[in-house]
């Protein structure tokens, strides 16, 4: 597991979402509501020292744990 994946996983756990990073689980199946999704995004911003543009704040664009890891990697570059 990469450092980014670990930070993203910690962010998930911090807001009460527990996923197995080896399974490509849909976020819609584990995120209770939009408040939880926004809380997750804010937690990721803080843990990964990035700023997520508004266009990423969509569960359709970020539908899995791996999608989020890819976004963080892209925004960290």
C-alpha atoms as a PDB file:
ATOM      1  CA  UNK A   1       0.000   0.000   0.000  1.00  0.00           C
ATOM      2  CA  UNK A   2       1.370   3.393  -0.977  1.00  0.00           C
ATOM      3  CA  UNK A   3       1.579   6.378   1.352  1.00  0.00           C
ATOM      4  CA  UNK A   4      -1.301   8.056  -0.492  1.00  0.00           C
ATOM      5  CA  UNK A   5      -3.469   4.948  -0.150  1.00  0.00           C
ATOM      6  CA  UNK A   6      -2.709   4.840   3.584  1.00  0.00           C
ATOM      7  CA  UNK A   7      -3.646   8.509   4.018  1.00  0.00           C
ATOM      8  CA  UNK A   8      -6.872   8.031   2.080  1.00  0.00           C
ATOM      9  CA  UNK A   9      -7.741   4.935   4.124  1.00  0.00           C
ATOM     10  CA  UNK A  10      -7.103   6.854   7.382  1.00  0.00           C
ATOM     11  CA  UNK A  11      -9.371   9.629   6.083  1.00  0.00           C
ATOM     12  CA  UNK A  12     -12.134   7.101   5.434  1.00  0.00           C
ATOM     13  CA  UNK A  13     -11.765   5.634   8.907  1.00  0.00           C
ATOM     14  CA  UNK A  14     -11.707   9.094  10.476  1.00  0.00           C
ATOM     15  CA  UNK A  15     -15.244   9.785   9.214  1.00  0.00           C
ATOM     16  CA  UNK A  16     -16.499   6.319  10.141  1.00  0.00           C
ATOM     17  CA  UNK A  17     -16.251   4.593   6.761  1.00  0.00           C
ATOM     18  CA  UNK A  18     -14.472   1.259   6.844  1.00  0.00           C
ATOM     19  CA  UNK A  19     -13.526  -0.247   3.483  1.00  0.00           C
ATOM     20  CA  UNK A  20     -11.227  -2.996   2.338  1.00  0.00           C
ATOM     21  CA  UNK A  21      -8.797  -1.262  -0.041  1.00  0.00           C
ATOM     22  CA  UNK A  22      -8.369  -4.525  -1.966  1.00  0.00           C
ATOM     23  CA  UNK A  23     -12.055  -4.590  -2.886  1.00  0.00           C
ATOM     24  CA  UNK A  24     -13.365  -2.006  -5.323  1.00  0.00           C
ATOM     25  CA  UNK A  25     -16.448  -1.167  -3.247  1.00  0.00           C
ATOM     26  CA  UNK A  26     -18.744   1.567  -4.527  1.00  0.00           C
ATOM     27  CA  UNK A  27     -18.750   4.615  -2.257  1.00  0.00           C
ATOM     28  CA  UNK A  28     -22.508   4.889  -2.724  1.00  0.00           C
ATOM     29  CA  UNK A  29     -22.770   1.600  -0.801  1.00  0.00           C
ATOM     30  CA  UNK A  30     -20.829   2.863   2.228  1.00  0.00           C
ATOM     31  CA  UNK A  31     -21.327   6.640   2.320  1.00  0.00           C
ATOM     32  CA  UNK A  32     -24.526   7.338   4.254  1.00  0.00           C
ATOM     33  CA  UNK A  33     -25.302  10.805   2.911  1.00  0.00           C
ATOM     34  CA  UNK A  34     -23.876  13.897   1.228  1.00  0.00           C
ATOM     35  CA  UNK A  35     -22.670  15.318   4.559  1.00  0.00           C
ATOM     36  CA  UNK A  36     -20.529  12.220   5.088  1.00  0.00           C
ATOM     37  CA  UNK A  37     -19.159  12.504   1.537  1.00  0.00           C
ATOM     38  CA  UNK A  38     -18.221  16.168   2.050  1.00  0.00           C
ATOM     39  CA  UNK A  39     -16.687  15.333   5.447  1.00  0.00           C
ATOM     40  CA  UNK A  40     -14.607  12.645   3.743  1.00  0.00           C
ATOM     41  CA  UNK A  41     -13.398  15.084   1.090  1.00  0.00           C
ATOM     42  CA  UNK A  42     -12.414  17.671   3.725  1.00  0.00           C
ATOM     43  CA  UNK A  43     -10.587  14.987   5.717  1.00  0.00           C
ATOM     44  CA  UNK A  44      -8.705  13.906   2.589  1.00  0.00           C
ATOM     45  CA  UNK A  45      -7.754  17.522   1.844  1.00  0.00           C
ATOM     46  CA  UNK A  46      -6.323  17.892   5.334  1.00  0.00           C
ATOM     47  CA  UNK A  47      -4.566  14.508   5.518  1.00  0.00           C
ATOM     48  CA  UNK A  48      -3.085  14.733   2.022  1.00  0.00           C
ATOM     49  CA  UNK A  49      -2.326  18.481   1.994  1.00  0.00           C
ATOM     50  CA  UNK A  50      -4.250  19.077  -1.233  1.00  0.00           C
ATOM     51  CA  UNK A  51      -7.109  21.274  -2.366  1.00  0.00           C
ATOM     52  CA  UNK A  52      -9.878  19.407  -4.161  1.00  0.00           C
ATOM     53  CA  UNK A  53     -11.527  21.474  -6.912  1.00  0.00           C
ATOM     54  CA  UNK A  54     -15.328  21.675  -6.817  1.00  0.00           C
ATOM     55  CA  UNK A  55     -15.733  19.546  -9.926  1.00  0.00           C
ATOM     56  CA  UNK A  56     -14.409  16.537  -7.969  1.00  0.00           C
ATOM     57  CA  UNK A  57     -17.091  16.842  -5.281  1.00  0.00           C
ATOM     58  CA  UNK A  58     -19.312  14.300  -6.958  1.00  0.00           C
ATOM     59  CA  UNK A  59     -19.903  10.715  -5.925  1.00  0.00           C
ATOM     60  CA  UNK A  60     -20.372   9.951  -9.624  1.00  0.00           C
ATOM     61  CA  UNK A  61     -16.841  11.125 -10.426  1.00  0.00           C
ATOM     62  CA  UNK A  62     -15.352   9.520  -7.342  1.00  0.00           C
ATOM     63  CA  UNK A  63     -17.288   6.300  -7.137  1.00  0.00           C
ATOM     64  CA  UNK A  64     -14.667   4.015  -5.517  1.00  0.00           C
ATOM     65  CA  UNK A  65     -11.797   4.091  -3.024  1.00  0.00           C
ATOM     66  CA  UNK A  66      -9.364   3.694  -5.946  1.00  0.00           C
ATOM     67  CA  UNK A  67     -10.941   6.674  -7.766  1.00  0.00           C
ATOM     68  CA  UNK A  68     -10.190   8.797  -4.707  1.00  0.00           C
ATOM     69  CA  UNK A  69      -6.602   7.513  -4.481  1.00  0.00           C
ATOM     70  CA  UNK A  70      -6.120   8.337  -8.175  1.00  0.00           C
ATOM     71  CA  UNK A  71      -7.530  11.838  -7.641  1.00  0.00           C
ATOM     72  CA  UNK A  72      -5.179  12.494  -4.713  1.00  0.00           C
ATOM     73  CA  UNK A  73      -2.225  11.246  -6.758  1.00  0.00           C
ATOM     74  CA  UNK A  74      -3.224  13.522  -9.661  1.00  0.00           C
ATOM     75  CA  UNK A  75      -3.725  16.576  -7.426  1.00  0.00           C
ATOM     76  CA  UNK A  76      -0.475  15.944  -5.553  1.00  0.00           C
ATOM     77  CA  UNK A  77       1.612  16.052  -8.718  1.00  0.00           C
END
